[in-house]
Amino acid sequence: MTSALELAVFFVFAIATVGFSLGVVLAKRAWHSALSLGGALFGIAVNYVLLNADFVAAMQVLVYVGGVLVLLAFAVMLTEREREVAT
């Protein structure tokens, strides 16, 4: 039996996760897409906590949010060029 608070937290983070996922796809800049990916992965970790899968949630945060997203952030920062201003 789930409480009303758990149900409210689930819906809030489910909507946030879907919003961040849309941000990953629809963002025009790679850096904004990477930040949205971090939010989406964190929202998935919260859903794992709600399912009482604490170890899976911790690995989600450590491996995906902590490792893959940092690697992606370095790749975006190193490969993104500044646009030249035409004068």
PDB file of N, CA and C in Angstrom:
ATOM      1  N   MET A   1       0.838  -1.169   0.000  1.00  0.00           N
ATOM      2  CA  MET A   1       0.000   0.000   0.000  1.00  0.00           C
ATOM      3  C   MET A   1       0.892   1.244   0.000  1.00  0.00           C
ATOM      4  N   THR A   2       0.654   2.124  -0.921  1.00  0.00           N
ATOM      5  CA  THR A   2       1.466   3.331  -1.012  1.00  0.00           C
ATOM      6  C   THR A   2       0.743   4.486  -0.345  1.00  0.00           C
ATOM      7  N   SER A   3       1.528   5.345   0.263  1.00  0.00           N
ATOM      8  CA  SER A   3       0.931   6.510   0.910  1.00  0.00           C
ATOM      9  C   SER A   3       0.733   7.620  -0.125  1.00  0.00           C
ATOM     10  N   ALA A   4       0.001   8.627   0.280  1.00  0.00           N
ATOM     11  CA  ALA A   4      -0.270   9.750  -0.623  1.00  0.00           C
ATOM     12  C   ALA A   4       1.016  10.533  -0.894  1.00  0.00           C
ATOM     13  N   LEU A   5       1.908  10.596   0.086  1.00  0.00           N
ATOM     14  CA  LEU A   5       3.167  11.307  -0.094  1.00  0.00           C
ATOM     15  C   LEU A   5       4.051  10.609  -1.130  1.00  0.00           C
ATOM     16  N   GLU A   6       4.140   9.276  -1.064  1.00  0.00           N
ATOM     17  CA  GLU A   6       4.922   8.524  -2.051  1.00  0.00           C
ATOM     18  C   GLU A   6       4.347   8.707  -3.449  1.00  0.00           C
ATOM     19  N   LEU A   7       3.045   8.710  -3.548  1.00  0.00           N
ATOM     20  CA  LEU A   7       2.397   8.893  -4.845  1.00  0.00           C
ATOM     21  C   LEU A   7       2.656  10.294  -5.393  1.00  0.00           C
ATOM     22  N   ALA A   8       2.614  11.292  -4.530  1.00  0.00           N
ATOM     23  CA  ALA A   8       2.889  12.659  -4.964  1.00  0.00           C
ATOM     24  C   ALA A   8       4.342  12.816  -5.406  1.00  0.00           C
ATOM     25  N   VAL A   9       5.276  12.235  -4.653  1.00  0.00           N
ATOM     26  CA  VAL A   9       6.702  12.299  -5.025  1.00  0.00           C
ATOM     27  C   VAL A   9       6.926  11.594  -6.351  1.00  0.00           C
ATOM     28  N   PHE A  10       6.258  10.452  -6.534  1.00  0.00           N
ATOM     29  CA  PHE A  10       6.395   9.732  -7.803  1.00  0.00           C
ATOM     30  C   PHE A  10       5.936  10.588  -8.977  1.00  0.00           C
ATOM     31  N   PHE A  11       4.763  11.207  -8.861  1.00  0.00           N
ATOM     32  CA  PHE A  11       4.251  11.994  -9.974  1.00  0.00           C
ATOM     33  C   PHE A  11       5.104  13.225 -10.249  1.00  0.00           C
ATOM     34  N   VAL A  12       5.601  13.861  -9.202  1.00  0.00           N
ATOM     35  CA  VAL A  12       6.457  15.037  -9.394  1.00  0.00           C
ATOM     36  C   VAL A  12       7.733  14.650 -10.135  1.00  0.00           C
ATOM     37  N   PHE A  13       8.386  13.573  -9.682  1.00  0.00           N
ATOM     38  CA  PHE A  13       9.630  13.182 -10.330  1.00  0.00           C
ATOM     39  C   PHE A  13       9.405  12.510 -11.680  1.00  0.00           C
ATOM     40  N   ALA A  14       8.253  11.892 -11.890  1.00  0.00           N
ATOM     41  CA  ALA A  14       7.959  11.329 -13.207  1.00  0.00           C
ATOM     42  C   ALA A  14       7.776  12.437 -14.231  1.00  0.00           C
ATOM     43  N   ILE A  15       7.055  13.496 -13.854  1.00  0.00           N
ATOM     44  CA  ILE A  15       6.868  14.632 -14.761  1.00  0.00           C
ATOM     45  C   ILE A  15       8.201  15.329 -15.011  1.00  0.00           C
ATOM     46  N   ALA A  16       9.007  15.481 -13.962  1.00  0.00           N
ATOM     47  CA  ALA A  16      10.322  16.109 -14.127  1.00  0.00           C
ATOM     48  C   ALA A  16      11.221  15.280 -15.033  1.00  0.00           C
ATOM     49  N   THR A  17      11.190  13.956 -14.879  1.00  0.00           N
ATOM     50  CA  THR A  17      12.014  13.080 -15.709  1.00  0.00           C
ATOM     51  C   THR A  17      11.603  13.162 -17.174  1.00  0.00           C
ATOM     52  N   VAL A  18      10.314  13.173 -17.436  1.00  0.00           N
ATOM     53  CA  VAL A  18       9.838  13.309 -18.816  1.00  0.00           C
ATOM     54  C   VAL A  18      10.224  14.672 -19.383  1.00  0.00           C
ATOM     55  N   GLY A  19      10.120  15.716 -18.570  1.00  0.00           N
ATOM     56  CA  GLY A  19      10.523  17.043 -19.030  1.00  0.00           C
ATOM     57  C   GLY A  19      12.006  17.123 -19.351  1.00  0.00           C
ATOM     58  N   PHE A  20      12.838  16.556 -18.472  1.00  0.00           N
ATOM     59  CA  PHE A  20      14.279  16.545 -18.738  1.00  0.00           C
ATOM     60  C   PHE A  20      14.609  15.694 -19.966  1.00  0.00           C
ATOM     61  N   SER A  21      13.879  14.601 -20.145  1.00  0.00           N
ATOM     62  CA  SER A  21      14.120  13.756 -21.322  1.00  0.00           C
ATOM     63  C   SER A  21      13.779  14.496 -22.609  1.00  0.00           C
ATOM     64  N   LEU A  22      12.716  15.261 -22.591  1.00  0.00           N
ATOM     65  CA  LEU A  22      12.395  16.099 -23.755  1.00  0.00           C
ATOM     66  C   LEU A  22      13.468  17.166 -23.959  1.00  0.00           C
ATOM     67  N   GLY A  23      14.022  17.664 -22.870  1.00  0.00           N
ATOM     68  CA  GLY A  23      15.101  18.628 -22.969  1.00  0.00           C
ATOM     69  C   GLY A  23      16.348  18.051 -23.612  1.00  0.00           C
ATOM     70  N   VAL A  24      16.609  16.766 -23.365  1.00  0.00           N
ATOM     71  CA  VAL A  24      17.757  16.107 -24.001  1.00  0.00           C
ATOM     72  C   VAL A  24      17.589  16.094 -25.514  1.00  0.00           C
ATOM     73  N   VAL A  25      16.397  15.804 -25.967  1.00  0.00           N
ATOM     74  CA  VAL A  25      16.151  15.666 -27.397  1.00  0.00           C
ATOM     75  C   VAL A  25      15.989  17.018 -28.086  1.00  0.00           C
ATOM     76  N   LEU A  26      15.348  17.961 -27.420  1.00  0.00           N
ATOM     77  CA  LEU A  26      14.983  19.213 -28.072  1.00  0.00           C
ATOM     78  C   LEU A  26      15.959  20.366 -27.856  1.00  0.00           C
ATOM     79  N   ALA A  27      16.970  20.188 -27.021  1.00  0.00           N
ATOM     80  CA  ALA A  27      17.912  21.280 -26.753  1.00  0.00           C
ATOM     81  C   ALA A  27      18.752  21.573 -27.989  1.00  0.00           C
ATOM     82  N   LYS A  28      18.994  22.848 -28.224  1.00  0.00           N
ATOM     83  CA  LYS A  28      19.779  23.239 -29.393  1.00  0.00           C
ATOM     84  C   LYS A  28      21.275  23.169 -29.127  1.00  0.00           C
ATOM     85  N   ARG A  29      21.683  23.339 -27.897  1.00  0.00           N
ATOM     86  CA  ARG A  29      23.101  23.288 -27.541  1.00  0.00           C
ATOM     87  C   ARG A  29      23.413  21.965 -26.845  1.00  0.00           C
ATOM     88  N   ALA A  30      24.597  21.440 -27.104  1.00  0.00           N
ATOM     89  CA  ALA A  30      24.983  20.155 -26.529  1.00  0.00           C
ATOM     90  C   ALA A  30      25.132  20.238 -25.016  1.00  0.00           C
ATOM     91  N   TRP A  31      25.574  21.378 -24.505  1.00  0.00           N
ATOM     92  CA  TRP A  31      25.754  21.527 -23.063  1.00  0.00           C
ATOM     93  C   TRP A  31      24.401  21.469 -22.341  1.00  0.00           C
ATOM     94  N   HIS A  32      23.372  22.112 -22.902  1.00  0.00           N
ATOM     95  CA  HIS A  32      22.042  22.059 -22.302  1.00  0.00           C
ATOM     96  C   HIS A  32      21.468  20.650 -22.375  1.00  0.00           C
ATOM     97  N   SER A  33      21.768  19.961 -23.437  1.00  0.00           N
ATOM     98  CA  SER A  33      21.325  18.575 -23.559  1.00  0.00           C
ATOM     99  C   SER A  33      21.994  17.686 -22.513  1.00  0.00           C
ATOM    100  N   ALA A  34      23.273  17.910 -22.248  1.00  0.00           N
ATOM    101  CA  ALA A  34      23.982  17.125 -21.239  1.00  0.00           C
ATOM    102  C   ALA A  34      23.441  17.401 -19.839  1.00  0.00           C
ATOM    103  N   LEU A  35      23.131  18.650 -19.535  1.00  0.00           N
ATOM    104  CA  LEU A  35      22.549  18.976 -18.229  1.00  0.00           C
ATOM    105  C   LEU A  35      21.162  18.359 -18.070  1.00  0.00           C
ATOM    106  N   SER A  36      20.392  18.357 -19.136  1.00  0.00           N
ATOM    107  CA  SER A  36      19.076  17.719 -19.088  1.00  0.00           C
ATOM    108  C   SER A  36      19.202  16.216 -18.890  1.00  0.00           C
ATOM    109  N   LEU A  37      20.232  15.624 -19.478  1.00  0.00           N
ATOM    110  CA  LEU A  37      20.465  14.194 -19.281  1.00  0.00           C
ATOM    111  C   LEU A  37      20.755  13.897 -17.817  1.00  0.00           C
ATOM    112  N   GLY A  38      21.513  14.762 -17.165  1.00  0.00           N
ATOM    113  CA  GLY A  38      21.779  14.580 -15.734  1.00  0.00           C
ATOM    114  C   GLY A  38      20.509  14.635 -14.911  1.00  0.00           C
ATOM    115  N   GLY A  39      19.632  15.565 -15.223  1.00  0.00           N
ATOM    116  CA  GLY A  39      18.361  15.646 -14.514  1.00  0.00           C
ATOM    117  C   GLY A  39      17.486  14.426 -14.740  1.00  0.00           C
ATOM    118  N   ALA A  40      17.470  13.929 -15.966  1.00  0.00           N
ATOM    119  CA  ALA A  40      16.668  12.737 -16.271  1.00  0.00           C
ATOM    120  C   ALA A  40      17.212  11.503 -15.549  1.00  0.00           C
ATOM    121  N   LEU A  41      18.527  11.355 -15.528  1.00  0.00           N
ATOM    122  CA  LEU A  41      19.118  10.204 -14.838  1.00  0.00           C
ATOM    123  C   LEU A  41      18.904  10.283 -13.331  1.00  0.00           C
ATOM    124  N   PHE A  42      18.951  11.495 -12.779  1.00  0.00           N
ATOM    125  CA  PHE A  42      18.689  11.653 -11.355  1.00  0.00           C
ATOM    126  C   PHE A  42      17.229  11.335 -11.035  1.00  0.00           C
ATOM    127  N   GLY A  43      16.316  11.719 -11.902  1.00  0.00           N
ATOM    128  CA  GLY A  43      14.903  11.389 -11.705  1.00  0.00           C
ATOM    129  C   GLY A  43      14.656   9.893 -11.728  1.00  0.00           C
ATOM    130  N   ILE A  44      15.376   9.181 -12.571  1.00  0.00           N
ATOM    131  CA  ILE A  44      15.261   7.726 -12.603  1.00  0.00           C
ATOM    132  C   ILE A  44      15.781   7.128 -11.303  1.00  0.00           C
ATOM    133  N   ALA A  45      16.852   7.708 -10.752  1.00  0.00           N
ATOM    134  CA  ALA A  45      17.386   7.229  -9.476  1.00  0.00           C
ATOM    135  C   ALA A  45      16.372   7.422  -8.345  1.00  0.00           C
ATOM    136  N   VAL A  46      15.635   8.523  -8.371  1.00  0.00           N
ATOM    137  CA  VAL A  46      14.603   8.740  -7.348  1.00  0.00           C
ATOM    138  C   VAL A  46      13.509   7.687  -7.474  1.00  0.00           C
ATOM    139  N   ASN A  47      13.159   7.321  -8.692  1.00  0.00           N
ATOM    140  CA  ASN A  47      12.157   6.263  -8.868  1.00  0.00           C
ATOM    141  C   ASN A  47      12.658   4.925  -8.342  1.00  0.00           C
ATOM    142  N   TYR A  48      13.941   4.647  -8.475  1.00  0.00           N
ATOM    143  CA  TYR A  48      14.493   3.427  -7.885  1.00  0.00           C
ATOM    144  C   TYR A  48      14.397   3.450  -6.359  1.00  0.00           C
ATOM    145  N   VAL A  49      14.615   4.607  -5.759  1.00  0.00           N
ATOM    146  CA  VAL A  49      14.477   4.722  -4.302  1.00  0.00           C
ATOM    147  C   VAL A  49      13.038   4.454  -3.892  1.00  0.00           C
ATOM    148  N   LEU A  50      12.089   4.955  -4.660  1.00  0.00           N
ATOM    149  CA  LEU A  50      10.679   4.713  -4.350  1.00  0.00           C
ATOM    150  C   LEU A  50      10.315   3.236  -4.470  1.00  0.00           C
ATOM    151  N   LEU A  51      11.060   2.497  -5.288  1.00  0.00           N
ATOM    152  CA  LEU A  51      10.820   1.058  -5.426  1.00  0.00           C
ATOM    153  C   LEU A  51      11.599   0.235  -4.408  1.00  0.00           C
ATOM    154  N   ASN A  52      12.252   0.906  -3.452  1.00  0.00           N
ATOM    155  CA  ASN A  52      13.082   0.275  -2.422  1.00  0.00           C
ATOM    156  C   ASN A  52      14.260  -0.481  -3.014  1.00  0.00           C
ATOM    157  N   ALA A  53      14.763  -0.016  -4.147  1.00  0.00           N
ATOM    158  CA  ALA A  53      15.966  -0.579  -4.766  1.00  0.00           C
ATOM    159  C   ALA A  53      17.103   0.415  -4.529  1.00  0.00           C
ATOM    160  N   ASP A  54      17.543   0.492  -3.269  1.00  0.00           N
ATOM    161  CA  ASP A  54      18.521   1.510  -2.884  1.00  0.00           C
ATOM    162  C   ASP A  54      19.877   1.301  -3.545  1.00  0.00           C
ATOM    163  N   PHE A  55      20.309   0.048  -3.671  1.00  0.00           N
ATOM    164  CA  PHE A  55      21.603  -0.219  -4.301  1.00  0.00           C
ATOM    165  C   PHE A  55      21.593   0.195  -5.769  1.00  0.00           C
ATOM    166  N   VAL A  56      20.515  -0.109  -6.473  1.00  0.00           N
ATOM    167  CA  VAL A  56      20.412   0.261  -7.885  1.00  0.00           C
ATOM    168  C   VAL A  56      20.378   1.784  -8.027  1.00  0.00           C
ATOM    169  N   ALA A  57      19.707   2.462  -7.107  1.00  0.00           N
ATOM    170  CA  ALA A  57      19.666   3.921  -7.138  1.00  0.00           C
ATOM    171  C   ALA A  57      21.055   4.504  -6.900  1.00  0.00           C
ATOM    172  N   ALA A  58      21.787   3.932  -5.949  1.00  0.00           N
ATOM    173  CA  ALA A  58      23.141   4.424  -5.676  1.00  0.00           C
ATOM    174  C   ALA A  58      24.050   4.194  -6.876  1.00  0.00           C
ATOM    175  N   MET A  59      23.936   3.056  -7.518  1.00  0.00           N
ATOM    176  CA  MET A  59      24.760   2.791  -8.700  1.00  0.00           C
ATOM    177  C   MET A  59      24.354   3.692  -9.865  1.00  0.00           C
ATOM    178  N   GLN A  60      23.075   4.007  -9.967  1.00  0.00           N
ATOM    179  CA  GLN A  60      22.608   4.938 -11.000  1.00  0.00           C
ATOM    180  C   GLN A  60      23.274   6.295 -10.820  1.00  0.00           C
ATOM    181  N   VAL A  61      23.297   6.776  -9.588  1.00  0.00           N
ATOM    182  CA  VAL A  61      23.897   8.081  -9.327  1.00  0.00           C
ATOM    183  C   VAL A  61      25.406   8.029  -9.510  1.00  0.00           C
ATOM    184  N   LEU A  62      26.053   7.001  -8.975  1.00  0.00           N
ATOM    185  CA  LEU A  62      27.512   6.930  -9.043  1.00  0.00           C
ATOM    186  C   LEU A  62      28.011   6.695 -10.464  1.00  0.00           C
ATOM    187  N   VAL A  63      27.438   5.730 -11.151  1.00  0.00           N
ATOM    188  CA  VAL A  63      27.954   5.346 -12.461  1.00  0.00           C
ATOM    189  C   VAL A  63      27.471   6.296 -13.551  1.00  0.00           C
ATOM    190  N   TYR A  64      26.168   6.480 -13.645  1.00  0.00           N
ATOM    191  CA  TYR A  64      25.646   7.256 -14.763  1.00  0.00           C
ATOM    192  C   TYR A  64      25.772   8.758 -14.529  1.00  0.00           C
ATOM    193  N   VAL A  65      25.225   9.247 -13.419  1.00  0.00           N
ATOM    194  CA  VAL A  65      25.267  10.681 -13.176  1.00  0.00           C
ATOM    195  C   VAL A  65      26.691  11.117 -12.864  1.00  0.00           C
ATOM    196  N   GLY A  66      27.387  10.354 -12.048  1.00  0.00           N
ATOM    197  CA  GLY A  66      28.728  10.745 -11.653  1.00  0.00           C
ATOM    198  C   GLY A  66      29.782  10.494 -12.702  1.00  0.00           C
ATOM    199  N   GLY A  67      29.716   9.368 -13.382  1.00  0.00           N
ATOM    200  CA  GLY A  67      30.774   9.004 -14.314  1.00  0.00           C
ATOM    201  C   GLY A  67      30.502   9.377 -15.750  1.00  0.00           C
ATOM    202  N   VAL A  68      29.442   8.877 -16.298  1.00  0.00           N
ATOM    203  CA  VAL A  68      29.145   9.084 -17.710  1.00  0.00           C
ATOM    204  C   VAL A  68      28.853  10.550 -17.993  1.00  0.00           C
ATOM    205  N   LEU A  69      28.114  11.208 -17.101  1.00  0.00           N
ATOM    206  CA  LEU A  69      27.774  12.601 -17.344  1.00  0.00           C
ATOM    207  C   LEU A  69      28.998  13.508 -17.236  1.00  0.00           C
ATOM    208  N   VAL A  70      29.916  13.217 -16.329  1.00  0.00           N
ATOM    209  CA  VAL A  70      31.144  14.009 -16.243  1.00  0.00           C
ATOM    210  C   VAL A  70      31.981  13.813 -17.500  1.00  0.00           C
ATOM    211  N   LEU A  71      32.084  12.579 -17.976  1.00  0.00           N
ATOM    212  CA  LEU A  71      32.804  12.308 -19.211  1.00  0.00           C
ATOM    213  C   LEU A  71      32.163  13.032 -20.394  1.00  0.00           C
ATOM    214  N   LEU A  72      30.843  13.013 -20.454  1.00  0.00           N
ATOM    215  CA  LEU A  72      30.132  13.717 -21.512  1.00  0.00           C
ATOM    216  C   LEU A  72      30.340  15.225 -21.415  1.00  0.00           C
ATOM    217  N   ALA A  73      30.366  15.757 -20.197  1.00  0.00           N
ATOM    218  CA  ALA A  73      30.586  17.191 -20.014  1.00  0.00           C
ATOM    219  C   ALA A  73      31.981  17.591 -20.500  1.00  0.00           C
ATOM    220  N   PHE A  74      32.992  16.789 -20.201  1.00  0.00           N
ATOM    221  CA  PHE A  74      34.332  17.082 -20.699  1.00  0.00           C
ATOM    222  C   PHE A  74      34.374  17.017 -22.225  1.00  0.00           C
ATOM    223  N   ALA A  75      33.692  16.046 -22.811  1.00  0.00           N
ATOM    224  CA  ALA A  75      33.678  15.934 -24.270  1.00  0.00           C
ATOM    225  C   ALA A  75      32.993  17.142 -24.899  1.00  0.00           C
ATOM    226  N   VAL A  76      31.910  17.604 -24.305  1.00  0.00           N
ATOM    227  CA  VAL A  76      31.207  18.767 -24.843  1.00  0.00           C
ATOM    228  C   VAL A  76      32.076  20.009 -24.716  1.00  0.00           C
ATOM    229  N   MET A  77      32.731  20.178 -23.576  1.00  0.00           N
ATOM    230  CA  MET A  77      33.556  21.377 -23.379  1.00  0.00           C
ATOM    231  C   MET A  77      34.779  21.384 -24.290  1.00  0.00           C
ATOM    232  N   LEU A  78      35.328  20.210 -24.564  1.00  0.00           N
ATOM    233  CA  LEU A  78      36.537  20.161 -25.375  1.00  0.00           C
ATOM    234  C   LEU A  78      36.258  20.236 -26.872  1.00  0.00           C
ATOM    235  N   THR A  79      35.081  19.843 -27.301  1.00  0.00           N
ATOM    236  CA  THR A  79      34.814  19.808 -28.738  1.00  0.00           C
ATOM    237  C   THR A  79      33.968  20.969 -29.232  1.00  0.00           C
ATOM    238  N   GLU A  80      33.297  21.678 -28.361  1.00  0.00           N
ATOM    239  CA  GLU A  80      32.427  22.759 -28.794  1.00  0.00           C
ATOM    240  C   GLU A  80      33.257  23.990 -29.133  1.00  0.00           C
ATOM    241  N   ARG A  81      32.997  24.552 -30.293  1.00  0.00           N
ATOM    242  CA  ARG A  81      33.715  25.738 -30.748  1.00  0.00           C
ATOM    243  C   ARG A  81      32.866  26.974 -30.557  1.00  0.00           C
ATOM    244  N   GLU A  82      33.549  28.083 -30.408  1.00  0.00           N
ATOM    245  CA  GLU A  82      32.836  29.357 -30.346  1.00  0.00           C
ATOM    246  C   GLU A  82      32.565  29.830 -31.760  1.00  0.00           C
ATOM    247  N   ARG A  83      31.438  30.439 -31.954  1.00  0.00           N
ATOM    248  CA  ARG A  83      31.087  30.942 -33.276  1.00  0.00           C
ATOM    249  C   ARG A  83      31.843  32.243 -33.546  1.00  0.00           C
ATOM    250  N   GLU A  84      32.312  32.356 -34.753  1.00  0.00           N
ATOM    251  CA  GLU A  84      33.021  33.580 -35.126  1.00  0.00           C
ATOM    252  C   GLU A  84      32.001  34.678 -35.426  1.00  0.00           C
ATOM    253  N   VAL A  85      32.319  35.865 -35.001  1.00  0.00           N
ATOM    254  CA  VAL A  85      31.446  37.018 -35.241  1.00  0.00           C
ATOM    255  C   VAL A  85      31.880  37.696 -36.527  1.00  0.00           C
ATOM    256  N   ALA A  86      30.973  37.807 -37.468  1.00  0.00           N
ATOM    257  CA  ALA A  86      31.264  38.467 -38.746  1.00  0.00           C
ATOM    258  C   ALA A  86      31.172  39.973 -38.577  1.00  0.00           C
ATOM    259  N   THR A  87      32.225  40.662 -38.959  1.00  0.00           N
ATOM    260  CA  THR A  87      32.196  42.125 -38.863  1.00  0.00           C
ATOM    261  C   THR A  87      32.321  42.765 -40.218  1.00  0.00           C
TER     262      THR A  87
END
